PDB file of N, CA and C in Angstrom:
ATOM      1  N   MET A   1       0.835  -1.178   0.009  1.00  0.00           N
ATOM      2  CA  MET A   1       0.047   0.056  -0.018  1.00  0.00           C
ATOM      3  C   MET A   1       0.884   1.240   0.100  1.00  0.00           C
ATOM      4  N   ASN A   2       0.437   2.189  -0.758  1.00  0.00           N
ATOM      5  CA  ASN A   2       1.322   3.501  -0.886  1.00  0.00           C
ATOM      6  C   ASN A   2       0.774   4.492   0.095  1.00  0.00           C
ATOM      7  N   ARG A   3       1.726   5.338   0.565  1.00  0.00           N
ATOM      8  CA  ARG A   3       1.203   6.406   1.417  1.00  0.00           C
ATOM      9  C   ARG A   3       0.443   7.346   0.771  1.00  0.00           C
ATOM     10  N   LEU A   4      -0.639   8.083   1.473  1.00  0.00           N
ATOM     11  CA  LEU A   4      -1.384   9.052   0.917  1.00  0.00           C
ATOM     12  C   LEU A   4      -0.871  10.308   1.048  1.00  0.00           C
ATOM     13  N   CYS A   5      -0.218  10.674   2.305  1.00  0.00           N
ATOM     14  CA  CYS A   5       0.235  11.960   2.573  1.00  0.00           C
ATOM     15  C   CYS A   5       1.703  12.128   2.298  1.00  0.00           C
ATOM     16  N   ILE A   6       2.108  13.390   2.093  1.00  0.00           N
ATOM     17  CA  ILE A   6       3.597  13.661   1.664  1.00  0.00           C
ATOM     18  C   ILE A   6       4.197  14.458   2.761  1.00  0.00           C
ATOM     19  N   TYR A   7       5.405  14.154   2.919  1.00  0.00           N
ATOM     20  CA  TYR A   7       6.294  14.791   4.083  1.00  0.00           C
ATOM     21  C   TYR A   7       7.377  15.653   3.532  1.00  0.00           C
ATOM     22  N   PRO A   8       7.951  16.583   4.353  1.00  0.00           N
ATOM     23  CA  PRO A   8       9.076  17.432   3.831  1.00  0.00           C
ATOM     24  C   PRO A   8      10.285  16.585   3.250  1.00  0.00           C
ATOM     25  N   LYS A   9      10.450  15.438   3.856  1.00  0.00           N
ATOM     26  CA  LYS A   9      11.671  14.578   3.404  1.00  0.00           C
ATOM     27  C   LYS A   9      11.322  14.078   1.955  1.00  0.00           C
ATOM     28  N   ASP A  10      10.067  13.793   1.710  1.00  0.00           N
ATOM     29  CA  ASP A  10       9.684  13.381   0.295  1.00  0.00           C
ATOM     30  C   ASP A  10       9.904  14.515  -0.641  1.00  0.00           C
ATOM     31  N   ILE A  11       9.586  15.711  -0.200  1.00  0.00           N
ATOM     32  CA  ILE A  11       9.699  16.947  -1.103  1.00  0.00           C
ATOM     33  C   ILE A  11      11.241  17.222  -1.387  1.00  0.00           C
ATOM     34  N   MET A  12      12.077  17.008  -0.326  1.00  0.00           N
ATOM     35  CA  MET A  12      13.435  16.928  -0.562  1.00  0.00           C
ATOM     36  C   MET A  12      13.959  16.025  -1.584  1.00  0.00           C
ATOM     37  N   VAL A  13      13.501  14.784  -1.641  1.00  0.00           N
ATOM     38  CA  VAL A  13      13.866  13.804  -2.612  1.00  0.00           C
ATOM     39  C   VAL A  13      13.383  14.186  -4.048  1.00  0.00           C
ATOM     40  N   ILE A  14      12.126  14.681  -4.124  1.00  0.00           N
ATOM     41  CA  ILE A  14      11.559  15.031  -5.425  1.00  0.00           C
ATOM     42  C   ILE A  14      12.215  16.298  -5.976  1.00  0.00           C
ATOM     43  N   THR A  15      12.355  17.368  -5.254  1.00  0.00           N
ATOM     44  CA  THR A  15      12.870  18.653  -5.723  1.00  0.00           C
ATOM     45  C   THR A  15      14.354  18.825  -5.604  1.00  0.00           C
ATOM     46  N   GLY A  16      14.993  18.132  -4.681  1.00  0.00           N
ATOM     47  CA  GLY A  16      16.378  18.328  -4.454  1.00  0.00           C
ATOM     48  C   GLY A  16      16.733  19.538  -3.522  1.00  0.00           C
ATOM     49  N   ARG A  17      15.699  20.069  -2.941  1.00  0.00           N
ATOM     50  CA  ARG A  17      15.763  21.172  -2.083  1.00  0.00           C
ATOM     51  C   ARG A  17      15.973  20.872  -0.656  1.00  0.00           C
ATOM     52  N   SER A  18      15.909  21.766   0.240  1.00  0.00           N
ATOM     53  CA  SER A  18      16.207  21.444   1.651  1.00  0.00           C
ATOM     54  C   SER A  18      14.842  21.044   2.426  1.00  0.00           C
ATOM     55  N   ASP A  19      15.094  20.489   3.618  1.00  0.00           N
ATOM     56  CA  ASP A  19      13.940  20.181   4.468  1.00  0.00           C
ATOM     57  C   ASP A  19      13.131  21.325   4.827  1.00  0.00           C
ATOM     58  N   ARG A  20      13.720  22.550   5.015  1.00  0.00           N
ATOM     59  CA  ARG A  20      12.971  23.781   5.315  1.00  0.00           C
ATOM     60  C   ARG A  20      12.103  24.218   4.114  1.00  0.00           C
ATOM     61  N   TYR A  21      12.633  24.063   2.924  1.00  0.00           N
ATOM     62  CA  TYR A  21      11.803  24.342   1.767  1.00  0.00           C
ATOM     63  C   TYR A  21      10.614  23.476   1.709  1.00  0.00           C
ATOM     64  N   GLY A  22      10.730  22.093   2.111  1.00  0.00           N
ATOM     65  CA  GLY A  22       9.619  21.185   2.131  1.00  0.00           C
ATOM     66  C   GLY A  22       8.598  21.596   3.079  1.00  0.00           C
ATOM     67  N   ARG A  23       8.964  22.032   4.341  1.00  0.00           N
ATOM     68  CA  ARG A  23       8.077  22.375   5.389  1.00  0.00           C
ATOM     69  C   ARG A  23       7.281  23.585   4.959  1.00  0.00           C
ATOM     70  N   ASN A  24       8.023  24.678   4.321  1.00  0.00           N
ATOM     71  CA  ASN A  24       7.398  25.842   3.883  1.00  0.00           C
ATOM     72  C   ASN A  24       6.389  25.632   2.713  1.00  0.00           C
ATOM     73  N   LEU A  25       6.718  24.693   1.826  1.00  0.00           N
ATOM     74  CA  LEU A  25       5.952  24.322   0.707  1.00  0.00           C
ATOM     75  C   LEU A  25       4.582  23.709   1.190  1.00  0.00           C
ATOM     76  N   ILE A  26       4.717  22.870   2.189  1.00  0.00           N
ATOM     77  CA  ILE A  26       3.575  22.200   2.759  1.00  0.00           C
ATOM     78  C   ILE A  26       2.570  23.281   3.380  1.00  0.00           C
ATOM     79  N   LYS A  27       3.123  24.176   4.042  1.00  0.00           N
ATOM     80  CA  LYS A  27       2.447  25.321   4.594  1.00  0.00           C
ATOM     81  C   LYS A  27       1.648  26.116   3.535  1.00  0.00           C
ATOM     82  N   LYS A  28       2.338  26.372   2.444  1.00  0.00           N
ATOM     83  CA  LYS A  28       1.789  27.184   1.408  1.00  0.00           C
ATOM     84  C   LYS A  28       0.587  26.291   0.729  1.00  0.00           C
ATOM     85  N   ILE A  29       0.823  25.059   0.605  1.00  0.00           N
ATOM     86  CA  ILE A  29      -0.277  24.150  -0.131  1.00  0.00           C
ATOM     87  C   ILE A  29      -1.421  24.037   0.775  1.00  0.00           C
ATOM     88  N   LYS A  30      -1.242  23.989   2.171  1.00  0.00           N
ATOM     89  CA  LYS A  30      -2.269  24.063   3.076  1.00  0.00           C
ATOM     90  C   LYS A  30      -3.109  25.363   2.994  1.00  0.00           C
ATOM     91  N   HIS A  31      -2.400  26.394   3.024  1.00  0.00           N
ATOM     92  CA  HIS A  31      -2.948  27.747   2.927  1.00  0.00           C
ATOM     93  C   HIS A  31      -3.814  27.818   1.718  1.00  0.00           C
ATOM     94  N   HIS A  32      -3.177  27.405   0.565  1.00  0.00           N
ATOM     95  CA  HIS A  32      -3.853  27.514  -0.839  1.00  0.00           C
ATOM     96  C   HIS A  32      -5.154  26.593  -0.775  1.00  0.00           C
ATOM     97  N   LEU A  33      -5.115  25.425  -0.089  1.00  0.00           N
ATOM     98  CA  LEU A  33      -6.264  24.578  -0.091  1.00  0.00           C
ATOM     99  C   LEU A  33      -7.181  24.782   1.000  1.00  0.00           C
ATOM    100  N   ASN A  34      -6.899  25.820   1.827  1.00  0.00           N
ATOM    101  CA  ASN A  34      -7.775  26.180   3.033  1.00  0.00           C
ATOM    102  C   ASN A  34      -7.899  24.949   4.034  1.00  0.00           C
ATOM    103  N   LYS A  35      -6.737  24.282   4.258  1.00  0.00           N
ATOM    104  CA  LYS A  35      -6.770  23.250   5.254  1.00  0.00           C
ATOM    105  C   LYS A  35      -6.323  23.801   6.567  1.00  0.00           C
ATOM    106  N   LEU A  36      -6.752  23.021   7.593  1.00  0.00           N
ATOM    107  CA  LEU A  36      -6.307  23.439   8.925  1.00  0.00           C
ATOM    108  C   LEU A  36      -4.857  22.793   9.171  1.00  0.00           C
ATOM    109  N   GLN A  37      -4.239  23.201  10.312  1.00  0.00           N
ATOM    110  CA  GLN A  37      -2.914  22.897  10.645  1.00  0.00           C
ATOM    111  C   GLN A  37      -2.761  21.374  10.741  1.00  0.00           C
ATOM    112  N   HIS A  38      -3.680  20.720  11.401  1.00  0.00           N
ATOM    113  CA  HIS A  38      -3.643  19.315  11.658  1.00  0.00           C
ATOM    114  C   HIS A  38      -3.922  18.398  10.506  1.00  0.00           C
ATOM    115  N   GLN A  39      -4.371  18.914   9.370  1.00  0.00           N
ATOM    116  CA  GLN A  39      -4.777  18.192   8.228  1.00  0.00           C
ATOM    117  C   GLN A  39      -3.527  17.915   7.363  1.00  0.00           C
ATOM    118  N   VAL A  40      -3.417  16.808   6.575  1.00  0.00           N
ATOM    119  CA  VAL A  40      -2.236  16.427   5.908  1.00  0.00           C
ATOM    120  C   VAL A  40      -2.438  16.826   4.414  1.00  0.00           C
ATOM    121  N   VAL A  41      -1.403  16.900   3.723  1.00  0.00           N
ATOM    122  CA  VAL A  41      -1.327  17.233   2.282  1.00  0.00           C
ATOM    123  C   VAL A  41      -1.051  15.910   1.527  1.00  0.00           C
ATOM    124  N   THR A  42      -2.022  15.476   0.695  1.00  0.00           N
ATOM    125  CA  THR A  42      -1.771  14.247  -0.070  1.00  0.00           C
ATOM    126  C   THR A  42      -0.807  14.504  -1.190  1.00  0.00           C
ATOM    127  N   VAL A  43      -0.350  13.270  -1.671  1.00  0.00           N
ATOM    128  CA  VAL A  43       0.489  13.249  -2.855  1.00  0.00           C
ATOM    129  C   VAL A  43      -0.064  13.908  -4.081  1.00  0.00           C
ATOM    130  N   ASP A  44      -1.437  13.601  -4.228  1.00  0.00           N
ATOM    131  CA  ASP A  44      -2.195  14.174  -5.343  1.00  0.00           C
ATOM    132  C   ASP A  44      -2.295  15.713  -5.252  1.00  0.00           C
ATOM    133  N   GLU A  45      -2.583  16.173  -4.082  1.00  0.00           N
ATOM    134  CA  GLU A  45      -2.625  17.686  -3.922  1.00  0.00           C
ATOM    135  C   GLU A  45      -1.284  18.295  -4.250  1.00  0.00           C
ATOM    136  N   PHE A  46      -0.236  17.708  -3.667  1.00  0.00           N
ATOM    137  CA  PHE A  46       1.151  18.213  -4.003  1.00  0.00           C
ATOM    138  C   PHE A  46       1.382  18.216  -5.477  1.00  0.00           C
ATOM    139  N   CYS A  47       0.982  17.198  -6.080  1.00  0.00           N
ATOM    140  CA  CYS A  47       1.268  17.206  -7.492  1.00  0.00           C
ATOM    141  C   CYS A  47       0.420  18.128  -8.299  1.00  0.00           C
ATOM    142  N   GLN A  48      -0.835  18.396  -8.046  1.00  0.00           N
ATOM    143  CA  GLN A  48      -1.507  19.427  -8.602  1.00  0.00           C
ATOM    144  C   GLN A  48      -1.062  20.848  -8.353  1.00  0.00           C
ATOM    145  N   TYR A  49      -0.581  21.139  -7.214  1.00  0.00           N
ATOM    146  CA  TYR A  49      -0.014  22.360  -6.802  1.00  0.00           C
ATOM    147  C   TYR A  49       1.188  22.725  -7.685  1.00  0.00           C
ATOM    148  N   MET A  50       2.016  21.602  -7.697  1.00  0.00           N
ATOM    149  CA  MET A  50       3.466  21.823  -8.266  1.00  0.00           C
ATOM    150  C   MET A  50       3.343  21.583  -9.823  1.00  0.00           C
ATOM    151  N   GLY A  51       2.223  21.136 -10.386  1.00  0.00           N
ATOM    152  CA  GLY A  51       2.183  20.846 -11.861  1.00  0.00           C
ATOM    153  C   GLY A  51       2.890  19.572 -12.243  1.00  0.00           C
ATOM    154  N   LEU A  52       3.013  18.663 -11.333  1.00  0.00           N
ATOM    155  CA  LEU A  52       3.747  17.397 -11.683  1.00  0.00           C
ATOM    156  C   LEU A  52       2.843  16.203 -11.926  1.00  0.00           C
ATOM    157  N   GLN A  53       3.256  15.280 -12.656  1.00  0.00           N
ATOM    158  CA  GLN A  53       2.389  13.973 -12.910  1.00  0.00           C
ATOM    159  C   GLN A  53       2.539  13.129 -11.732  1.00  0.00           C
ATOM    160  N   SER A  54       1.415  12.748 -11.145  1.00  0.00           N
ATOM    161  CA  SER A  54       1.354  11.902  -9.923  1.00  0.00           C
ATOM    162  C   SER A  54       2.030  10.601 -10.074  1.00  0.00           C
ATOM    163  N   ASP A  55       1.932   9.954 -11.266  1.00  0.00           N
ATOM    164  CA  ASP A  55       2.487   8.624 -11.491  1.00  0.00           C
ATOM    165  C   ASP A  55       4.069   8.596 -11.281  1.00  0.00           C
ATOM    166  N   ILE A  56       4.593   9.699 -11.849  1.00  0.00           N
ATOM    167  CA  ILE A  56       6.115   9.857 -11.861  1.00  0.00           C
ATOM    168  C   ILE A  56       6.515  10.124 -10.350  1.00  0.00           C
ATOM    169  N   VAL A  57       5.825  10.921  -9.644  1.00  0.00           N
ATOM    170  CA  VAL A  57       6.174  11.242  -8.288  1.00  0.00           C
ATOM    171  C   VAL A  57       6.073  10.064  -7.309  1.00  0.00           C
ATOM    172  N   ILE A  58       4.972   9.200  -7.591  1.00  0.00           N
ATOM    173  CA  ILE A  58       4.772   8.034  -6.749  1.00  0.00           C
ATOM    174  C   ILE A  58       5.882   7.007  -6.974  1.00  0.00           C
ATOM    175  N   LYS A  59       6.390   6.896  -8.274  1.00  0.00           N
ATOM    176  CA  LYS A  59       7.449   6.088  -8.570  1.00  0.00           C
ATOM    177  C   LYS A  59       8.735   6.506  -7.843  1.00  0.00           C
ATOM    178  N   GLN A  60       8.960   7.805  -7.765  1.00  0.00           N
ATOM    179  CA  GLN A  60      10.209   8.392  -7.002  1.00  0.00           C
ATOM    180  C   GLN A  60      10.105   8.113  -5.664  1.00  0.00           C
ATOM    181  N   LEU A  61       8.990   8.043  -4.973  1.00  0.00           N
ATOM    182  CA  LEU A  61       8.784   7.882  -3.576  1.00  0.00           C
ATOM    183  C   LEU A  61       8.932   6.390  -3.242  1.00  0.00           C
ATOM    184  N   LYS A  62       8.978   5.468  -4.048  1.00  0.00           N
ATOM    185  CA  LYS A  62       9.034   3.973  -3.763  1.00  0.00           C
ATOM    186  C   LYS A  62      10.557   3.731  -3.407  1.00  0.00           C
TER     187      LYS A  62
END
């Protein structure tokens, strides 16, 4: 089973940027989607926000 949510370390692997960038990006996505602080960001939401294909990102996370 694949994970549904994305973490800052996953964003580090995908983008090659720092952990802090990943944390800030998750905050931006939550704000954009009007999510509360305790709610998670899914891989699909991340892909839509970044304009990436979800199948490629899911392969990268395995």
